[in-house]
């Protein structure tokens, strides 16, 4: 159980790092929009990460108070769900082109988090070059 909890914290840390990097791009491209990331682990943990423009909940179990879901992945290896949200108040005034760009960024972010955390189980993994010959 200790290794499982440590792996969960490592996965959340990796997600946080990934989100912070992507958040800089989202903030630059959409400076008036709040963005949040909701991570739920298979063990019942719930983690919220957000930029400064995303309204925060009084208690994290309620989720973001004005969040509009942009993208969701359920039942990944590490997380039971990874959800990217935008502040619905600010998001209403975004053009369809901007909405499509944000959706693409949200999907890329979820994919990066899923890939990065799928091997964060505390074991060393040997990566094989993708040459088709086994490296």
Protein backbone atom coordinates (compact mmCIF):
# COMPACT_ATOMS: atom_id res chain seq x y z
CA UNK A 1 0.00 0.00 0.00
CA UNK A 2 2.88 2.36 0.72
CA UNK A 3 4.34 1.79 -2.75
CA UNK A 4 0.90 2.37 -4.25
CA UNK A 5 0.48 5.66 -2.37
CA UNK A 6 3.98 6.77 -3.38
CA UNK A 7 3.30 5.87 -7.01
CA UNK A 8 0.04 7.83 -6.86
CA UNK A 9 1.85 10.91 -5.51
CA UNK A 10 4.54 10.55 -8.18
CA UNK A 11 1.85 10.38 -10.87
CA UNK A 12 0.14 13.49 -9.50
CA UNK A 13 3.51 15.29 -9.41
CA UNK A 14 4.15 14.38 -13.05
CA UNK A 15 0.67 15.55 -14.00
CA UNK A 16 1.25 18.83 -12.15
CA UNK A 17 4.53 19.43 -14.00
CA UNK A 18 2.91 18.64 -17.33
CA UNK A 19 -0.08 20.85 -16.57
CA UNK A 20 2.06 23.80 -15.50
CA UNK A 21 4.02 23.69 -18.73
CA UNK A 22 0.90 23.45 -20.85
CA UNK A 23 -0.79 26.09 -18.71
CA UNK A 24 1.78 28.67 -19.78
CA UNK A 25 0.76 28.12 -23.40
CA UNK A 26 -2.95 28.26 -22.58
CA UNK A 27 -2.48 31.45 -20.55
CA UNK A 28 -0.52 33.08 -23.35
CA UNK A 29 -3.04 32.11 -26.04
CA UNK A 30 -6.20 32.70 -23.95
CA UNK A 31 -5.29 35.25 -21.25
CA UNK A 32 -8.81 35.80 -19.90
CA UNK A 33 -9.78 32.16 -19.38
CA UNK A 34 -9.43 30.05 -16.27
CA UNK A 35 -8.28 26.47 -16.73
CA UNK A 36 -8.39 23.58 -14.29
CA UNK A 37 -7.36 19.96 -14.17
CA UNK A 38 -9.21 17.41 -12.06
CA UNK A 39 -7.44 14.12 -11.36
CA UNK A 40 -9.17 11.22 -9.66
CA UNK A 41 -7.14 8.18 -8.72
CA UNK A 42 -8.36 4.59 -8.58
CA UNK A 43 -7.80 4.64 -4.82
CA UNK A 44 -10.26 7.53 -4.39
CA UNK A 45 -7.86 10.48 -4.29
CA UNK A 46 -9.00 13.72 -5.91
CA UNK A 47 -6.55 16.42 -6.96
CA UNK A 48 -7.33 19.82 -8.48
CA UNK A 49 -4.80 21.98 -10.33
CA UNK A 50 -5.68 25.38 -11.76
CA UNK A 51 -4.36 28.65 -13.08
CA UNK A 52 -5.03 31.86 -11.17
CA UNK A 53 -8.12 32.72 -13.23
CA UNK A 54 -9.99 29.49 -12.46
CA UNK A 55 -12.42 29.87 -9.55
CA UNK A 56 -11.62 27.34 -6.84
CA UNK A 57 -14.17 25.29 -4.93
CA UNK A 58 -14.79 25.62 -1.22
CA UNK A 59 -14.05 21.90 -0.94
CA UNK A 60 -12.27 19.93 -3.64
CA UNK A 61 -14.86 17.13 -3.55
CA UNK A 62 -17.30 19.54 -5.20
CA UNK A 63 -14.99 20.24 -8.13
CA UNK A 64 -14.52 23.59 -9.81
CA UNK A 65 -17.61 25.78 -9.28
CA UNK A 66 -17.77 27.23 -12.80
CA UNK A 67 -15.85 24.63 -14.74
CA UNK A 68 -17.03 23.56 -18.16
CA UNK A 69 -15.63 20.20 -19.25
CA UNK A 70 -13.37 20.45 -22.27
CA UNK A 71 -12.02 16.91 -22.32
CA UNK A 72 -12.19 13.77 -20.20
CA UNK A 73 -10.33 10.49 -20.09
CA UNK A 74 -11.73 7.74 -17.88
CA UNK A 75 -10.03 4.61 -16.54
CA UNK A 76 -6.44 5.20 -17.49
CA UNK A 77 -3.76 3.07 -15.86
CA UNK A 78 -3.09 5.54 -13.03
CA UNK A 79 -6.18 7.74 -12.89
CA UNK A 80 -9.85 6.82 -12.86
CA UNK A 81 -10.40 10.14 -14.63
CA UNK A 82 -8.41 13.05 -16.01
CA UNK A 83 -10.58 16.06 -16.77
CA UNK A 84 -9.65 19.45 -18.24
CA UNK A 85 -12.07 22.28 -17.51
CA UNK A 86 -12.39 25.95 -18.44
CA UNK A 87 -14.08 28.71 -16.50
CA UNK A 88 -17.51 28.69 -18.09
CA UNK A 89 -18.05 32.43 -17.53
CA UNK A 90 -15.01 33.46 -19.56
CA UNK A 91 -15.35 30.52 -21.94
CA UNK A 92 -18.73 31.68 -23.26
CA UNK A 93 -17.12 34.57 -25.16
CA UNK A 94 -14.50 32.44 -26.96
CA UNK A 95 -14.73 32.11 -30.74
CA UNK A 96 -15.29 28.68 -32.32
CA UNK A 97 -11.71 28.74 -33.62
CA UNK A 98 -10.31 29.45 -30.17
CA UNK A 99 -12.57 26.76 -28.70
CA UNK A 100 -11.18 24.22 -31.17
CA UNK A 101 -7.61 25.25 -30.31
CA UNK A 102 -8.28 24.92 -26.58
CA UNK A 103 -9.90 21.52 -27.12
CA UNK A 104 -6.82 20.36 -29.02
CA UNK A 105 -4.56 21.59 -26.21
CA UNK A 106 -6.77 19.86 -23.61
CA UNK A 107 -6.66 16.55 -25.48
CA UNK A 108 -2.89 16.81 -25.89
CA UNK A 109 -2.51 17.56 -22.19
CA UNK A 110 -4.59 14.51 -21.21
CA UNK A 111 -2.60 12.31 -23.58
CA UNK A 112 0.71 13.58 -22.16
CA UNK A 113 -0.42 13.02 -18.58
CA UNK A 114 -1.69 9.53 -19.40
CA UNK A 115 1.55 8.57 -21.17
CA UNK A 116 3.81 10.11 -18.52
CA UNK A 117 2.01 8.57 -15.57
CA UNK A 118 1.30 5.14 -17.01
CA UNK A 119 4.84 4.04 -16.14
CA UNK A 120 5.18 5.88 -12.81
CA UNK A 121 4.76 2.77 -10.66
CA UNK A 122 8.11 3.08 -8.96
CA UNK A 123 9.76 0.50 -11.18
CA UNK A 124 12.51 1.15 -13.64
CA UNK A 125 11.31 0.84 -17.21
CA UNK A 126 13.63 0.20 -20.11
CA UNK A 127 12.59 2.12 -23.17
CA UNK A 128 13.17 0.52 -26.53
CA UNK A 129 13.75 2.74 -29.51
CA UNK A 130 10.84 2.69 -31.93
CA UNK A 131 12.76 1.28 -34.85
CA UNK A 132 10.68 -1.83 -35.37
CA UNK A 133 13.68 -4.05 -34.66
CA UNK A 134 13.67 -3.90 -30.88
CA UNK A 135 16.17 -1.06 -30.70
